[in-house]
Amino acid sequence: MKKGVMLVTVLAAILLAGCGGAPAEPQSLRIAVLPILDALPMHVALEKGYFGAQNLEVELVPVNSGPERDQLMQAGQVDGMINEIVSVIFYNQQETEVVAVRFARAATRDSAVFSIVAAPGSGIETVKDLAGVEIGISEATVIDYMTDRVLQKAGLSPDQINTVAIPRIPDRLALLQSGELAAATLPDPATSLAILQGCTLIIDDRTLPEVGTSVITFSKEAVENKPEAIKGFLAAIEQAVVDLNADPAGFNNLLAEMGLVPPPLLEGYSLPPYVTASVPGEALWEDAIAWAMEKGLISDEPSYADSVDDSFLP
């Protein structure tokens, strides 16, 4: 090796060492995930190594219900979760505890997230038929919010909307099938399963897509202490979303493995399009707050600026 080349090589090595050239320790994130389609981009990013490429160690912590997810978040056992704007509002009533950094899923004019379906043999065929009928929902959630807003837009008055709290989706499905419940609001793909079992689609959030959303949310502590990790996390999610939207049929094995689609639907199931990097707007935030105030669910109005942050998006 020539002396000049050797000198340059040695100097480069010294400079790299002095400038932190050694690989940094991976940052870790723990995310609480329900068995829902909203979480699929996270599973794809994990399987394809996109988190690792961002120098992240991501653990997806499975939970079976919103309350279980919230318990982990409140105990500081996870950094992030998938929830919804209504949930963020409840978290941040007294002080900012969590920050929404990206949509997880969003309805479009062509693709629903949440639907209201009627039980087989109920005789319910239109929105007008739902007036006064008990509709099974999960109370004080986006499903509650969506049910009210979609039915109000379709012409029902608030006093004609009669909801009953049935938190678990399997319970709502079972009560629909038995005829003990005349109608229910369900997320996709539970809607598809209900229809396969004889239920009737009455209306869905394609009529008002701005209310059919979920979000990726991090604790305030994670936002303050792990900003680069969150940026890397969302960059990996974006890669996964590009993959999913480019080849929706290419992930059936992962859907089955994660239990995100009921087995009777797997063959021929078509994944919905996934929303690209964006956050809920202030108009949605203000409407969700107005709804929660109308229902007597909150007394204080948390700040949009403190609760939603798009600065982590790629």
Protein backbone atom coordinates (compact mmCIF):
# COMPACT_ATOMS: atom_id res chain seq x y z
CA MET A 1 0.00 0.00 0.00
CA LYS A 2 1.33 3.47 -0.85
CA LYS A 3 2.22 5.73 2.07
CA GLY A 4 -0.35 8.37 1.03
CA VAL A 5 -3.18 5.85 0.85
CA MET A 6 -2.16 4.28 4.19
CA LEU A 7 -2.09 7.71 5.85
CA VAL A 8 -5.56 8.60 4.56
CA THR A 9 -6.91 5.23 5.77
CA VAL A 10 -5.47 5.67 9.27
CA LEU A 11 -6.72 9.25 9.50
CA ALA A 12 -10.20 8.18 8.39
CA ALA A 13 -10.28 5.48 11.06
CA ILE A 14 -9.20 7.95 13.73
CA LEU A 15 -11.81 10.49 12.60
CA LEU A 16 -14.56 7.86 12.58
CA ALA A 17 -13.64 6.74 16.06
CA GLY A 18 -13.51 10.33 17.31
CA CYS A 19 -16.88 11.17 15.69
CA GLY A 20 -18.71 8.17 17.09
CA GLY A 21 -18.19 5.97 14.05
CA ALA A 22 -18.93 2.81 16.04
CA PRO A 23 -22.54 1.64 15.62
CA ALA A 24 -24.88 3.15 18.20
CA GLU A 25 -26.81 0.87 20.54
CA PRO A 26 -30.29 0.12 19.16
CA GLN A 27 -33.12 2.05 20.80
CA SER A 28 -36.03 0.02 22.10
CA LEU A 29 -39.77 0.59 21.84
CA ARG A 30 -42.62 -1.50 23.26
CA ILE A 31 -45.97 -1.15 21.51
CA ALA A 32 -49.29 -2.54 22.75
CA VAL A 33 -51.21 -4.07 19.85
CA LEU A 34 -54.70 -5.51 19.62
CA PRO A 35 -55.41 -8.30 17.09
CA ILE A 36 -56.77 -5.81 14.52
CA LEU A 37 -55.94 -4.92 10.92
CA ASP A 38 -54.72 -1.52 12.08
CA ALA A 39 -51.63 -3.28 13.47
CA LEU A 40 -50.71 -5.12 10.26
CA PRO A 41 -48.11 -2.54 9.08
CA MET A 42 -46.28 -3.05 12.39
CA HIS A 43 -46.18 -6.82 11.89
CA VAL A 44 -44.95 -6.34 8.31
CA ALA A 45 -42.22 -3.91 9.42
CA LEU A 46 -41.09 -6.41 12.06
CA GLU A 47 -41.09 -9.38 9.68
CA LYS A 48 -39.23 -7.53 6.92
CA GLY A 49 -36.58 -6.06 9.21
CA TYR A 50 -37.58 -2.45 8.63
CA PHE A 51 -37.34 -1.62 12.34
CA GLY A 52 -33.86 -3.14 12.51
CA ALA A 53 -32.80 -1.05 9.52
CA GLN A 54 -33.74 2.01 11.62
CA ASN A 55 -31.54 0.72 14.48
CA LEU A 56 -34.61 -0.12 16.55
CA GLU A 57 -35.56 -3.04 18.72
CA VAL A 58 -39.37 -3.09 18.64
CA GLU A 59 -41.47 -5.41 20.76
CA LEU A 60 -45.14 -5.74 19.82
CA VAL A 61 -46.95 -6.54 23.06
CA PRO A 62 -50.23 -8.39 22.37
CA VAL A 63 -53.34 -7.26 24.28
CA ASN A 64 -56.91 -8.52 24.02
CA SER A 65 -58.85 -5.38 24.87
CA GLY A 66 -58.69 -1.60 25.03
CA PRO A 67 -58.74 -1.60 28.85
CA GLU A 68 -55.79 -4.04 28.95
CA ARG A 69 -53.89 -1.82 26.51
CA ASP A 70 -54.63 1.27 28.58
CA GLN A 71 -53.50 -0.41 31.79
CA LEU A 72 -50.10 -1.12 30.24
CA MET A 73 -49.79 2.44 28.98
CA GLN A 74 -50.82 3.99 32.28
CA ALA A 75 -48.36 1.76 34.15
CA GLY A 76 -45.53 2.85 31.84
CA GLN A 77 -44.99 -0.72 30.60
CA VAL A 78 -45.30 0.26 26.92
CA ASP A 79 -44.15 3.30 24.96
CA GLY A 80 -46.92 3.35 22.39
CA MET A 81 -50.20 1.86 21.21
CA ILE A 82 -52.91 1.95 18.57
CA ASN A 83 -56.00 3.76 19.85
CA GLU A 84 -58.25 6.53 18.53
CA ILE A 85 -58.77 10.27 18.84
CA VAL A 86 -61.60 9.85 21.37
CA SER A 87 -59.23 7.83 23.58
CA VAL A 88 -56.50 10.49 23.25
CA ILE A 89 -59.00 13.13 24.39
CA PHE A 90 -59.86 11.11 27.49
CA TYR A 91 -56.17 10.58 28.30
CA ASN A 92 -55.33 14.27 28.04
CA GLN A 93 -58.24 15.87 29.91
CA GLN A 94 -56.24 16.98 32.96
CA GLU A 95 -52.75 17.07 31.46
CA THR A 96 -51.03 15.77 28.34
CA GLU A 97 -50.25 12.09 28.85
CA VAL A 98 -50.13 10.80 25.26
CA VAL A 99 -49.49 12.20 21.78
CA ALA A 100 -50.96 10.93 18.50
CA VAL A 101 -48.22 10.90 15.85
CA ARG A 102 -49.86 9.18 12.85
CA PHE A 103 -53.06 7.69 11.55
CA ALA A 104 -53.09 3.90 11.84
CA ARG A 105 -56.16 3.38 9.66
CA ALA A 106 -58.67 5.69 8.04
CA ALA A 107 -61.90 5.08 6.16
CA THR A 108 -62.27 6.36 2.60
CA ARG A 109 -65.22 6.88 0.28
CA ASP A 110 -64.49 3.41 -1.10
CA SER A 111 -63.33 1.50 1.98
CA ALA A 112 -65.05 1.29 5.37
CA VAL A 113 -63.44 0.78 8.76
CA PHE A 114 -66.61 0.62 10.92
CA SER A 115 -70.12 -0.52 9.93
CA ILE A 116 -73.56 -0.82 11.47
CA VAL A 117 -75.13 -4.21 10.72
CA ALA A 118 -78.52 -5.74 11.54
CA ALA A 119 -79.16 -9.23 12.85
CA PRO A 120 -80.56 -11.95 10.56
CA GLY A 121 -84.35 -11.89 10.60
CA SER A 122 -84.50 -8.54 12.42
CA GLY A 123 -86.44 -6.88 9.63
CA ILE A 124 -84.07 -3.91 9.72
CA GLU A 125 -83.15 -2.82 6.21
CA THR A 126 -82.61 0.95 6.34
CA VAL A 127 -81.26 3.61 8.69
CA LYS A 128 -84.85 4.69 9.49
CA ASP A 129 -85.51 1.18 10.76
CA LEU A 130 -82.80 1.72 13.39
CA ALA A 131 -84.73 4.50 15.15
CA GLY A 132 -85.09 3.47 18.78
CA VAL A 133 -83.47 0.06 18.19
CA GLU A 134 -80.68 -1.00 20.56
CA ILE A 135 -77.33 -0.92 18.73
CA GLY A 136 -74.46 -2.76 20.39
CA ILE A 137 -71.31 -0.65 20.70
CA SER A 138 -68.17 -0.26 22.78
CA GLU A 139 -69.02 2.76 24.90
CA ALA A 140 -66.95 5.98 24.90
CA THR A 141 -64.83 4.85 21.95
CA VAL A 142 -64.50 5.72 18.28
CA ILE A 143 -67.26 3.15 17.61
CA ASP A 144 -69.62 5.11 19.88
CA TYR A 145 -68.59 8.39 18.21
CA MET A 146 -68.88 6.97 14.68
CA THR A 147 -72.31 5.45 15.37
CA ASP A 148 -73.75 8.76 16.54
CA ARG A 149 -72.21 10.91 13.82
CA VAL A 150 -72.99 8.59 10.88
CA LEU A 151 -76.62 8.05 11.97
CA GLN A 152 -77.11 11.77 12.63
CA LYS A 153 -75.82 12.58 9.15
CA ALA A 154 -78.20 9.97 7.73
CA GLY A 155 -81.17 11.69 9.35
CA LEU A 156 -81.71 10.22 12.82
CA SER A 157 -82.01 12.65 15.74
CA PRO A 158 -79.95 12.04 18.89
CA ASP A 159 -83.03 10.85 20.79
CA GLN A 160 -83.68 8.21 18.10
CA ILE A 161 -80.22 6.67 18.53
CA ASN A 162 -80.30 3.97 21.21
CA THR A 163 -76.95 2.33 21.96
CA VAL A 164 -76.08 -0.38 24.46
CA ALA A 165 -72.57 -1.10 25.75
CA ILE A 166 -71.21 -4.50 24.71
CA PRO A 167 -67.43 -3.98 24.85
CA ARG A 168 -66.16 -7.24 23.34
CA ILE A 169 -66.58 -7.74 19.59
CA PRO A 170 -67.09 -11.55 19.88
CA ASP A 171 -69.94 -10.91 22.32
CA ARG A 172 -71.59 -8.47 19.91
CA LEU A 173 -71.33 -11.01 17.10
CA ALA A 174 -72.75 -13.81 19.23
CA LEU A 175 -75.70 -11.69 20.39
CA LEU A 176 -76.42 -10.66 16.81
CA GLN A 177 -76.44 -14.27 15.65
CA SER A 178 -78.74 -15.36 18.47
CA GLY A 179 -81.16 -12.52 17.78
CA GLU A 180 -80.75 -11.10 21.29
CA LEU A 181 -79.26 -7.97 19.71
CA ALA A 182 -80.96 -6.38 16.71
CA ALA A 183 -77.99 -4.32 15.49
CA ALA A 184 -74.35 -3.59 16.24
CA THR A 185 -71.43 -1.45 15.13
CA LEU A 186 -68.42 -3.53 14.14
CA PRO A 187 -64.95 -2.96 12.70
CA ASP A 188 -63.75 -4.60 9.51
CA PRO A 189 -63.20 -7.61 9.16
CA ALA A 190 -65.77 -8.52 11.86
CA THR A 191 -68.31 -6.81 9.62
CA SER A 192 -67.46 -9.17 6.75
CA LEU A 193 -67.84 -12.17 9.07
CA ALA A 194 -71.23 -10.93 10.31
CA ILE A 195 -72.46 -10.50 6.73
CA LEU A 196 -71.18 -13.98 5.86
CA GLN A 197 -73.28 -15.27 8.76
CA GLY A 198 -76.44 -13.61 7.45
CA CYS A 199 -76.36 -10.10 8.92
CA THR A 200 -77.33 -7.08 6.81
CA LEU A 201 -75.12 -4.03 6.25
CA ILE A 202 -77.15 -0.93 7.02
CA ILE A 203 -74.62 1.91 6.84
CA ASP A 204 -70.88 2.45 7.32
CA ASP A 205 -68.30 5.21 7.65
CA ARG A 206 -67.83 5.54 3.91
CA THR A 207 -70.65 8.10 4.25
CA LEU A 208 -68.52 10.10 6.71
CA PRO A 209 -64.95 8.77 6.39
CA GLU A 210 -63.35 11.38 8.64
CA VAL A 211 -64.86 9.68 11.73
CA GLY A 212 -63.64 6.16 10.90
CA THR A 213 -60.05 6.37 12.07
CA SER A 214 -57.47 5.02 14.48
CA VAL A 215 -54.10 6.48 15.44
CA ILE A 216 -50.61 5.50 16.55
CA THR A 217 -50.00 7.14 19.92
CA PHE A 218 -46.95 7.40 22.17
CA SER A 219 -46.67 8.38 25.81
CA LYS A 220 -45.51 11.92 26.51
CA GLU A 221 -42.44 10.42 28.17
CA ALA A 222 -41.52 8.51 24.99
CA VAL A 223 -42.09 11.62 22.87
CA GLU A 224 -39.74 13.61 25.08
CA ASN A 225 -37.06 10.94 25.61
CA LYS A 226 -37.13 8.85 22.41
CA PRO A 227 -37.90 11.25 19.55
CA GLU A 228 -35.40 9.69 17.12
CA ALA A 229 -36.75 6.21 17.88
CA ILE A 230 -40.30 7.38 17.09
CA LYS A 231 -39.13 8.94 13.82
CA GLY A 232 -37.41 5.69 12.86
CA PHE A 233 -40.48 3.71 13.88
CA LEU A 234 -42.74 5.77 11.61
CA ALA A 235 -40.25 5.55 8.74
CA ALA A 236 -40.40 1.74 9.04
CA ILE A 237 -44.21 1.84 9.17
CA GLU A 238 -44.24 3.90 5.97
CA GLN A 239 -42.16 1.25 4.18
CA ALA A 240 -44.59 -1.42 5.34
CA VAL A 241 -47.60 0.61 4.18
CA VAL A 242 -46.04 1.00 0.73
CA ASP A 243 -45.60 -2.79 0.58
CA LEU A 244 -49.16 -3.47 1.70
CA ASN A 245 -50.72 -1.04 -0.74
CA ALA A 246 -48.59 -2.35 -3.61
CA ASP A 247 -49.44 -6.03 -2.98
CA PRO A 248 -52.52 -6.42 -0.73
CA ALA A 249 -52.86 -10.11 -1.58
CA GLY A 250 -49.27 -10.91 -0.63
CA PHE A 251 -49.77 -10.97 3.14
CA ASN A 252 -52.41 -13.67 3.68
CA ASN A 253 -49.98 -15.90 5.56
CA LEU A 254 -49.19 -13.09 7.98
CA LEU A 255 -52.90 -12.32 8.41
CA ALA A 256 -53.50 -15.95 9.35
CA GLU A 257 -50.46 -16.16 11.61
CA MET A 258 -51.42 -13.04 13.56
CA GLY A 259 -55.13 -13.95 13.68
CA LEU A 260 -56.14 -10.62 12.17
CA VAL A 261 -58.79 -12.09 9.86
CA PRO A 262 -61.24 -14.87 10.88
CA PRO A 263 -60.40 -18.18 9.15
CA PRO A 264 -63.70 -18.32 7.18
CA LEU A 265 -62.75 -15.03 5.48
CA LEU A 266 -59.10 -15.69 4.68
CA GLU A 267 -59.60 -17.18 1.25
CA GLY A 268 -60.24 -14.31 -1.11
CA TYR A 269 -60.10 -11.62 1.58
CA SER A 270 -59.03 -8.26 0.14
CA LEU A 271 -57.03 -5.95 2.40
CA PRO A 272 -58.19 -2.34 2.59
CA PRO A 273 -55.82 0.44 1.51
CA TYR A 274 -53.65 1.78 4.32
CA VAL A 275 -53.37 5.50 4.95
CA THR A 276 -49.99 7.08 4.20
CA ALA A 277 -48.09 9.37 6.59
CA SER A 278 -50.53 11.88 8.07
CA VAL A 279 -52.25 12.88 11.31
CA PRO A 280 -55.84 13.81 12.24
CA GLY A 281 -56.71 17.41 11.50
CA GLU A 282 -57.95 19.97 13.99
CA ALA A 283 -61.51 19.85 12.63
CA LEU A 284 -61.81 16.16 13.55
CA TRP A 285 -60.32 16.86 16.98
CA GLU A 286 -62.81 19.66 17.68
CA ASP A 287 -65.78 17.58 16.50
CA ALA A 288 -64.75 14.63 18.69
CA ILE A 289 -64.45 17.00 21.66
CA ALA A 290 -67.89 18.48 20.91
CA TRP A 291 -69.34 14.95 20.78
CA ALA A 292 -67.71 13.96 24.08
CA MET A 293 -69.01 17.15 25.71
CA GLU A 294 -72.52 16.51 24.36
CA LYS A 295 -72.42 13.03 25.88
CA GLY A 296 -71.15 14.32 29.23
CA LEU A 297 -67.99 12.22 28.90
CA ILE A 298 -65.53 15.08 29.50
CA SER A 299 -65.57 18.41 31.29
CA ASP A 300 -62.26 19.87 30.05
CA GLU A 301 -61.10 20.38 26.46
CA PRO A 302 -57.52 19.19 25.87
CA SER A 303 -55.39 21.07 23.36
CA TYR A 304 -54.99 19.77 19.80
CA ALA A 305 -51.48 21.26 19.61
CA ASP A 306 -50.39 19.31 22.69
CA SER A 307 -52.14 16.07 21.71
CA VAL A 308 -51.34 15.63 17.99
CA ASP A 309 -47.85 16.01 16.53
CA ASP A 310 -46.91 15.51 12.86
CA SER A 311 -43.22 16.35 13.32
CA PHE A 312 -42.22 12.66 13.59
CA LEU A 313 -43.59 11.71 10.16
CA PRO A 314 -41.08 10.77 7.44
